[in-house]
Amino acid sequence: MTTTTPKPQTLKGTVVKMAMKDTVTVAVSRYVKHPKYKKFQTRTKKYLVHAPEHALEIGQAVTIVACRPISKMKRFKIA
């Protein structure tokens, strides 16, 4: 019997803030249809991402991967 392990969740977004040590804020946008009005809209969510020793810049496109909880708010790391 073989067991398959699920792949961790991956998201693509852009770096919007780098004010903390070893942490960046990444904004992830998704394109969704409004349930009542049927109009498409862009919804954005910000994630705190663990990024030690990474030379990132604001506006850079990154891929983030779900990982074990690193702190109260950080649940992702840079892929």
PDB file of N, CA and C in Angstrom:
ATOM      1  N   MET A   1       0.842  -1.174   0.000  1.00  0.00           N
ATOM      2  CA  MET A   1       0.000   0.000   0.000  1.00  0.00           C
ATOM      3  C   MET A   1       0.888   1.239   0.000  1.00  0.00           C
ATOM      4  N   THR A   2       0.614   2.130  -0.921  1.00  0.00           N
ATOM      5  CA  THR A   2       1.402   3.354  -0.987  1.00  0.00           C
ATOM      6  C   THR A   2       0.537   4.524  -0.543  1.00  0.00           C
ATOM      7  N   THR A   3       1.142   5.393   0.210  1.00  0.00           N
ATOM      8  CA  THR A   3       0.431   6.588   0.645  1.00  0.00           C
ATOM      9  C   THR A   3       1.009   7.778  -0.093  1.00  0.00           C
ATOM     10  N   THR A   4       0.152   8.654  -0.528  1.00  0.00           N
ATOM     11  CA  THR A   4       0.610   9.855  -1.216  1.00  0.00           C
ATOM     12  C   THR A   4       0.497  11.037  -0.272  1.00  0.00           C
ATOM     13  N   THR A   5       1.532  11.845  -0.241  1.00  0.00           N
ATOM     14  CA  THR A   5       1.505  13.040   0.583  1.00  0.00           C
ATOM     15  C   THR A   5       1.058  14.202  -0.293  1.00  0.00           C
ATOM     16  N   PRO A   6       0.141  15.029   0.182  1.00  0.00           N
ATOM     17  CA  PRO A   6      -0.331  16.144  -0.634  1.00  0.00           C
ATOM     18  C   PRO A   6       0.753  17.207  -0.791  1.00  0.00           C
ATOM     19  N   LYS A   7       0.749  17.866  -1.939  1.00  0.00           N
ATOM     20  CA  LYS A   7       1.693  18.950  -2.167  1.00  0.00           C
ATOM     21  C   LYS A   7       1.280  20.159  -1.336  1.00  0.00           C
ATOM     22  N   PRO A   8       2.249  20.910  -0.811  1.00  0.00           N
ATOM     23  CA  PRO A   8       1.883  22.105  -0.035  1.00  0.00           C
ATOM     24  C   PRO A   8       1.285  23.169  -0.948  1.00  0.00           C
ATOM     25  N   GLN A   9       0.465  24.005  -0.379  1.00  0.00           N
ATOM     26  CA  GLN A   9      -0.193  25.075  -1.117  1.00  0.00           C
ATOM     27  C   GLN A   9       0.844  26.069  -1.621  1.00  0.00           C
ATOM     28  N   THR A  10       0.775  26.433  -2.898  1.00  0.00           N
ATOM     29  CA  THR A  10       1.672  27.439  -3.464  1.00  0.00           C
ATOM     30  C   THR A  10       0.849  28.576  -4.033  1.00  0.00           C
ATOM     31  N   LEU A  11       1.331  29.795  -3.838  1.00  0.00           N
ATOM     32  CA  LEU A  11       0.657  30.998  -4.323  1.00  0.00           C
ATOM     33  C   LEU A  11       1.688  31.909  -4.977  1.00  0.00           C
ATOM     34  N   LYS A  12       1.242  32.717  -5.931  1.00  0.00           N
ATOM     35  CA  LYS A  12       2.119  33.680  -6.588  1.00  0.00           C
ATOM     36  C   LYS A  12       1.638  35.082  -6.262  1.00  0.00           C
ATOM     37  N   GLY A  13       2.585  35.951  -5.921  1.00  0.00           N
ATOM     38  CA  GLY A  13       2.227  37.315  -5.561  1.00  0.00           C
ATOM     39  C   GLY A  13       3.399  38.253  -5.731  1.00  0.00           C
ATOM     40  N   THR A  14       3.240  39.473  -5.234  1.00  0.00           N
ATOM     41  CA  THR A  14       4.289  40.475  -5.326  1.00  0.00           C
ATOM     42  C   THR A  14       4.643  40.985  -3.930  1.00  0.00           C
ATOM     43  N   VAL A  15       5.910  41.295  -3.740  1.00  0.00           N
ATOM     44  CA  VAL A  15       6.391  41.820  -2.458  1.00  0.00           C
ATOM     45  C   VAL A  15       5.928  43.273  -2.330  1.00  0.00           C
ATOM     46  N   VAL A  16       5.261  43.591  -1.212  1.00  0.00           N
ATOM     47  CA  VAL A  16       4.763  44.951  -1.012  1.00  0.00           C
ATOM     48  C   VAL A  16       5.408  45.656   0.182  1.00  0.00           C
ATOM     49  N   LYS A  17       6.061  44.898   1.068  1.00  0.00           N
ATOM     50  CA  LYS A  17       6.637  45.523   2.262  1.00  0.00           C
ATOM     51  C   LYS A  17       7.797  44.681   2.764  1.00  0.00           C
ATOM     52  N   MET A  18       8.857  45.367   3.229  1.00  0.00           N
ATOM     53  CA  MET A  18      10.029  44.677   3.777  1.00  0.00           C
ATOM     54  C   MET A  18      10.511  45.387   5.036  1.00  0.00           C
ATOM     55  N   ALA A  19       9.638  45.636   5.986  1.00  0.00           N
ATOM     56  CA  ALA A  19       9.988  46.430   7.153  1.00  0.00           C
ATOM     57  C   ALA A  19      10.474  45.602   8.335  1.00  0.00           C
ATOM     58  N   MET A  20      10.343  44.267   8.265  1.00  0.00           N
ATOM     59  CA  MET A  20      10.694  43.431   9.402  1.00  0.00           C
ATOM     60  C   MET A  20      11.899  42.553   9.080  1.00  0.00           C
ATOM     61  N   LYS A  21      12.545  42.061  10.112  1.00  0.00           N
ATOM     62  CA  LYS A  21      13.682  41.183   9.925  1.00  0.00           C
ATOM     63  C   LYS A  21      13.190  39.785   9.554  1.00  0.00           C
ATOM     64  N   ASP A  22      13.764  39.202   8.504  1.00  0.00           N
ATOM     65  CA  ASP A  22      13.445  37.851   8.028  1.00  0.00           C
ATOM     66  C   ASP A  22      11.986  37.686   7.603  1.00  0.00           C
ATOM     67  N   THR A  23      11.268  38.772   7.377  1.00  0.00           N
ATOM     68  CA  THR A  23       9.855  38.694   7.013  1.00  0.00           C
ATOM     69  C   THR A  23       9.552  39.709   5.921  1.00  0.00           C
ATOM     70  N   VAL A  24       8.781  39.280   4.933  1.00  0.00           N
ATOM     71  CA  VAL A  24       8.283  40.200   3.911  1.00  0.00           C
ATOM     72  C   VAL A  24       6.767  40.032   3.825  1.00  0.00           C
ATOM     73  N   THR A  25       6.093  41.060   3.342  1.00  0.00           N
ATOM     74  CA  THR A  25       4.662  40.989   3.119  1.00  0.00           C
ATOM     75  C   THR A  25       4.421  40.816   1.627  1.00  0.00           C
ATOM     76  N   VAL A  26       3.652  39.782   1.281  1.00  0.00           N
ATOM     77  CA  VAL A  26       3.375  39.465  -0.111  1.00  0.00           C
ATOM     78  C   VAL A  26       1.876  39.601  -0.354  1.00  0.00           C
ATOM     79  N   ALA A  27       1.507  40.346  -1.394  1.00  0.00           N
ATOM     80  CA  ALA A  27       0.105  40.509  -1.770  1.00  0.00           C
ATOM     81  C   ALA A  27      -0.219  39.510  -2.878  1.00  0.00           C
ATOM     82  N   VAL A  28      -1.239  38.685  -2.647  1.00  0.00           N
ATOM     83  CA  VAL A  28      -1.673  37.688  -3.619  1.00  0.00           C
ATOM     84  C   VAL A  28      -3.054  38.093  -4.119  1.00  0.00           C
ATOM     85  N   SER A  29      -3.177  38.244  -5.438  1.00  0.00           N
ATOM     86  CA  SER A  29      -4.437  38.645  -6.051  1.00  0.00           C
ATOM     87  C   SER A  29      -5.093  37.454  -6.729  1.00  0.00           C
ATOM     88  N   ARG A  30      -6.425  37.444  -6.699  1.00  0.00           N
ATOM     89  CA  ARG A  30      -7.171  36.410  -7.409  1.00  0.00           C
ATOM     90  C   ARG A  30      -8.364  37.060  -8.091  1.00  0.00           C
ATOM     91  N   TYR A  31      -8.788  36.463  -9.180  1.00  0.00           N
ATOM     92  CA  TYR A  31      -9.833  37.003 -10.038  1.00  0.00           C
ATOM     93  C   TYR A  31     -11.090  36.185  -9.808  1.00  0.00           C
ATOM     94  N   VAL A  32     -12.122  36.784  -9.189  1.00  0.00           N
ATOM     95  CA  VAL A  32     -13.323  36.037  -8.822  1.00  0.00           C
ATOM     96  C   VAL A  32     -14.571  36.704  -9.398  1.00  0.00           C
ATOM     97  N   LYS A  33     -15.610  35.904  -9.559  1.00  0.00           N
ATOM     98  CA  LYS A  33     -16.881  36.391 -10.078  1.00  0.00           C
ATOM     99  C   LYS A  33     -17.827  36.672  -8.914  1.00  0.00           C
ATOM    100  N   HIS A  34     -18.450  37.823  -8.912  1.00  0.00           N
ATOM    101  CA  HIS A  34     -19.386  38.177  -7.859  1.00  0.00           C
ATOM    102  C   HIS A  34     -20.609  37.261  -7.958  1.00  0.00           C
ATOM    103  N   PRO A  35     -21.042  36.672  -6.836  1.00  0.00           N
ATOM    104  CA  PRO A  35     -22.131  35.692  -6.904  1.00  0.00           C
ATOM    105  C   PRO A  35     -23.475  36.262  -7.363  1.00  0.00           C
ATOM    106  N   LYS A  36     -23.760  37.502  -7.016  1.00  0.00           N
ATOM    107  CA  LYS A  36     -25.058  38.079  -7.385  1.00  0.00           C
ATOM    108  C   LYS A  36     -25.009  38.849  -8.705  1.00  0.00           C
ATOM    109  N   TYR A  37     -23.996  39.703  -8.850  1.00  0.00           N
ATOM    110  CA  TYR A  37     -23.952  40.605  -9.996  1.00  0.00           C
ATOM    111  C   TYR A  37     -23.177  40.044 -11.192  1.00  0.00           C
ATOM    112  N   LYS A  38     -22.521  38.910 -11.017  1.00  0.00           N
ATOM    113  CA  LYS A  38     -21.802  38.218 -12.089  1.00  0.00           C
ATOM    114  C   LYS A  38     -20.684  39.039 -12.724  1.00  0.00           C
ATOM    115  N   LYS A  39     -20.193  40.025 -12.006  1.00  0.00           N
ATOM    116  CA  LYS A  39     -19.099  40.838 -12.508  1.00  0.00           C
ATOM    117  C   LYS A  39     -17.797  40.318 -11.911  1.00  0.00           C
ATOM    118  N   PHE A  40     -16.745  40.268 -12.718  1.00  0.00           N
ATOM    119  CA  PHE A  40     -15.456  39.803 -12.236  1.00  0.00           C
ATOM    120  C   PHE A  40     -14.734  40.929 -11.517  1.00  0.00           C
ATOM    121  N   GLN A  41     -14.060  40.571 -10.425  1.00  0.00           N
ATOM    122  CA  GLN A  41     -13.311  41.557  -9.653  1.00  0.00           C
ATOM    123  C   GLN A  41     -12.036  40.922  -9.123  1.00  0.00           C
ATOM    124  N   THR A  42     -11.059  41.765  -8.822  1.00  0.00           N
ATOM    125  CA  THR A  42      -9.787  41.304  -8.282  1.00  0.00           C
ATOM    126  C   THR A  42      -9.814  41.467  -6.773  1.00  0.00           C
ATOM    127  N   ARG A  43      -9.551  40.374  -6.071  1.00  0.00           N
ATOM    128  CA  ARG A  43      -9.471  40.420  -4.608  1.00  0.00           C
ATOM    129  C   ARG A  43      -8.033  40.151  -4.196  1.00  0.00           C
ATOM    130  N   THR A  44      -7.544  40.918  -3.241  1.00  0.00           N
ATOM    131  CA  THR A  44      -6.150  40.825  -2.812  1.00  0.00           C
ATOM    132  C   THR A  44      -6.084  40.482  -1.335  1.00  0.00           C
ATOM    133  N   LYS A  45      -5.162  39.588  -1.003  1.00  0.00           N
ATOM    134  CA  LYS A  45      -4.919  39.232   0.393  1.00  0.00           C
ATOM    135  C   LYS A  45      -3.417  39.325   0.636  1.00  0.00           C
ATOM    136  N   LYS A  46      -3.039  39.813   1.813  1.00  0.00           N
ATOM    137  CA  LYS A  46      -1.622  39.946   2.158  1.00  0.00           C
ATOM    138  C   LYS A  46      -1.215  38.837   3.114  1.00  0.00           C
ATOM    139  N   TYR A  47      -0.051  38.265   2.870  1.00  0.00           N
ATOM    140  CA  TYR A  47       0.497  37.206   3.700  1.00  0.00           C
ATOM    141  C   TYR A  47       1.855  37.636   4.228  1.00  0.00           C
ATOM    142  N   LEU A  48       2.137  37.297   5.492  1.00  0.00           N
ATOM    143  CA  LEU A  48       3.482  37.472   6.033  1.00  0.00           C
ATOM    144  C   LEU A  48       4.267  36.227   5.682  1.00  0.00           C
ATOM    145  N   VAL A  49       5.446  36.414   5.083  1.00  0.00           N
ATOM    146  CA  VAL A  49       6.218  35.311   4.535  1.00  0.00           C
ATOM    147  C   VAL A  49       7.617  35.332   5.138  1.00  0.00           C
ATOM    148  N   HIS A  50       8.091  34.154   5.541  1.00  0.00           N
ATOM    149  CA  HIS A  50       9.442  34.010   6.089  1.00  0.00           C
ATOM    150  C   HIS A  50      10.445  34.041   4.945  1.00  0.00           C
ATOM    151  N   ALA A  51      11.386  34.963   4.994  1.00  0.00           N
ATOM    152  CA  ALA A  51      12.374  35.105   3.924  1.00  0.00           C
ATOM    153  C   ALA A  51      13.736  35.468   4.499  1.00  0.00           C
ATOM    154  N   PRO A  52      14.425  34.516   5.141  1.00  0.00           N
ATOM    155  CA  PRO A  52      15.756  34.825   5.664  1.00  0.00           C
ATOM    156  C   PRO A  52      16.791  34.801   4.538  1.00  0.00           C
ATOM    157  N   GLU A  53      17.703  35.749   4.574  1.00  0.00           N
ATOM    158  CA  GLU A  53      18.831  35.805   3.634  1.00  0.00           C
ATOM    159  C   GLU A  53      18.408  35.899   2.171  1.00  0.00           C
ATOM    160  N   HIS A  54      17.236  36.420   1.898  1.00  0.00           N
ATOM    161  CA  HIS A  54      16.811  36.589   0.510  1.00  0.00           C
ATOM    162  C   HIS A  54      16.974  38.044   0.108  1.00  0.00           C
ATOM    163  N   ALA A  55      17.534  38.266  -1.076  1.00  0.00           N
ATOM    164  CA  ALA A  55      17.699  39.624  -1.598  1.00  0.00           C
ATOM    165  C   ALA A  55      16.477  39.969  -2.440  1.00  0.00           C
ATOM    166  N   LEU A  56      15.404  40.352  -1.779  1.00  0.00           N
ATOM    167  CA  LEU A  56      14.165  40.686  -2.472  1.00  0.00           C
ATOM    168  C   LEU A  56      14.009  42.191  -2.553  1.00  0.00           C
ATOM    169  N   GLU A  57      13.179  42.631  -3.502  1.00  0.00           N
ATOM    170  CA  GLU A  57      12.889  44.041  -3.654  1.00  0.00           C
ATOM    171  C   GLU A  57      11.372  44.231  -3.692  1.00  0.00           C
ATOM    172  N   ILE A  58      10.923  45.405  -3.329  1.00  0.00           N
ATOM    173  CA  ILE A  58       9.499  45.702  -3.391  1.00  0.00           C
ATOM    174  C   ILE A  58       9.065  45.701  -4.852  1.00  0.00           C
ATOM    175  N   GLY A  59       7.955  45.018  -5.123  1.00  0.00           N
ATOM    176  CA  GLY A  59       7.455  44.914  -6.485  1.00  0.00           C
ATOM    177  C   GLY A  59       7.889  43.653  -7.208  1.00  0.00           C
ATOM    178  N   GLN A  60       8.766  42.880  -6.590  1.00  0.00           N
ATOM    179  CA  GLN A  60       9.261  41.652  -7.220  1.00  0.00           C
ATOM    180  C   GLN A  60       8.213  40.545  -7.119  1.00  0.00           C
ATOM    181  N   ALA A  61       8.046  39.784  -8.203  1.00  0.00           N
ATOM    182  CA  ALA A  61       7.109  38.658  -8.213  1.00  0.00           C
ATOM    183  C   ALA A  61       7.770  37.457  -7.551  1.00  0.00           C
ATOM    184  N   VAL A  62       7.060  36.805  -6.630  1.00  0.00           N
ATOM    185  CA  VAL A  62       7.600  35.655  -5.899  1.00  0.00           C
ATOM    186  C   VAL A  62       6.557  34.546  -5.820  1.00  0.00           C
ATOM    187  N   THR A  63       7.026  33.340  -5.557  1.00  0.00           N
ATOM    188  CA  THR A  63       6.164  32.198  -5.294  1.00  0.00           C
ATOM    189  C   THR A  63       6.345  31.822  -3.834  1.00  0.00           C
ATOM    190  N   ILE A  64       5.227  31.654  -3.111  1.00  0.00           N
ATOM    191  CA  ILE A  64       5.310  31.293  -1.701  1.00  0.00           C
ATOM    192  C   ILE A  64       4.691  29.920  -1.498  1.00  0.00           C
ATOM    193  N   VAL A  65       5.213  29.204  -0.491  1.00  0.00           N
ATOM    194  CA  VAL A  65       4.801  27.832  -0.214  1.00  0.00           C
ATOM    195  C   VAL A  65       4.383  27.728   1.238  1.00  0.00           C
ATOM    196  N   ALA A  66       3.289  27.018   1.500  1.00  0.00           N
ATOM    197  CA  ALA A  66       2.836  26.804   2.870  1.00  0.00           C
ATOM    198  C   ALA A  66       3.842  25.931   3.613  1.00  0.00           C
ATOM    199  N   CYS A  67       4.038  26.226   4.891  1.00  0.00           N
ATOM    200  CA  CYS A  67       4.964  25.451   5.719  1.00  0.00           C
ATOM    201  C   CYS A  67       4.407  25.400   7.138  1.00  0.00           C
ATOM    202  N   ARG A  68       5.160  24.832   8.031  1.00  0.00           N
ATOM    203  CA  ARG A  68       4.732  24.764   9.420  1.00  0.00           C
ATOM    204  C   ARG A  68       4.664  26.182   9.995  1.00  0.00           C
ATOM    205  N   PRO A  69       3.892  26.419  11.040  1.00  0.00           N
ATOM    206  CA  PRO A  69       3.820  27.758  11.627  1.00  0.00           C
ATOM    207  C   PRO A  69       5.175  28.196  12.166  1.00  0.00           C
ATOM    208  N   ILE A  70       5.637  29.352  11.699  1.00  0.00           N
ATOM    209  CA  ILE A  70       6.920  29.898  12.129  1.00  0.00           C
ATOM    210  C   ILE A  70       6.710  30.891  13.267  1.00  0.00           C
ATOM    211  N   SER A  71       5.603  31.624  13.219  1.00  0.00           N
ATOM    212  CA  SER A  71       5.231  32.535  14.293  1.00  0.00           C
ATOM    213  C   SER A  71       3.706  32.625  14.312  1.00  0.00           C
ATOM    214  N   LYS A  72       3.186  33.587  15.049  1.00  0.00           N
ATOM    215  CA  LYS A  72       1.732  33.714  15.152  1.00  0.00           C
ATOM    216  C   LYS A  72       1.074  33.966  13.794  1.00  0.00           C
ATOM    217  N   MET A  73       1.710  34.750  12.936  1.00  0.00           N
ATOM    218  CA  MET A  73       1.110  35.125  11.656  1.00  0.00           C
ATOM    219  C   MET A  73       1.793  34.498  10.439  1.00  0.00           C
ATOM    220  N   LYS A  74       3.003  33.978  10.593  1.00  0.00           N
ATOM    221  CA  LYS A  74       3.752  33.471   9.431  1.00  0.00           C
ATOM    222  C   LYS A  74       3.504  31.982   9.228  1.00  0.00           C
ATOM    223  N   ARG A  75       2.915  31.663   8.058  1.00  0.00           N
ATOM    224  CA  ARG A  75       2.645  30.267   7.707  1.00  0.00           C
ATOM    225  C   ARG A  75       3.185  29.926   6.315  1.00  0.00           C
ATOM    226  N   PHE A  76       3.920  30.866   5.695  1.00  0.00           N
ATOM    227  CA  PHE A  76       4.457  30.657   4.346  1.00  0.00           C
ATOM    228  C   PHE A  76       5.939  30.991   4.317  1.00  0.00           C
ATOM    229  N   LYS A  77       6.638  30.445   3.319  1.00  0.00           N
ATOM    230  CA  LYS A  77       8.039  30.787   3.081  1.00  0.00           C
ATOM    231  C   LYS A  77       8.238  30.963   1.589  1.00  0.00           C
ATOM    232  N   ILE A  78       9.343  31.626   1.229  1.00  0.00           N
ATOM    233  CA  ILE A  78       9.661  31.864  -0.188  1.00  0.00           C
ATOM    234  C   ILE A  78      10.102  30.550  -0.822  1.00  0.00           C
ATOM    235  N   ALA A  79       9.546  30.253  -1.993  1.00  0.00           N
ATOM    236  CA  ALA A  79       9.907  29.027  -2.705  1.00  0.00           C
ATOM    237  C   ALA A  79      11.224  29.198  -3.439  1.00  0.00           C
TER     238      ALA A  79
END
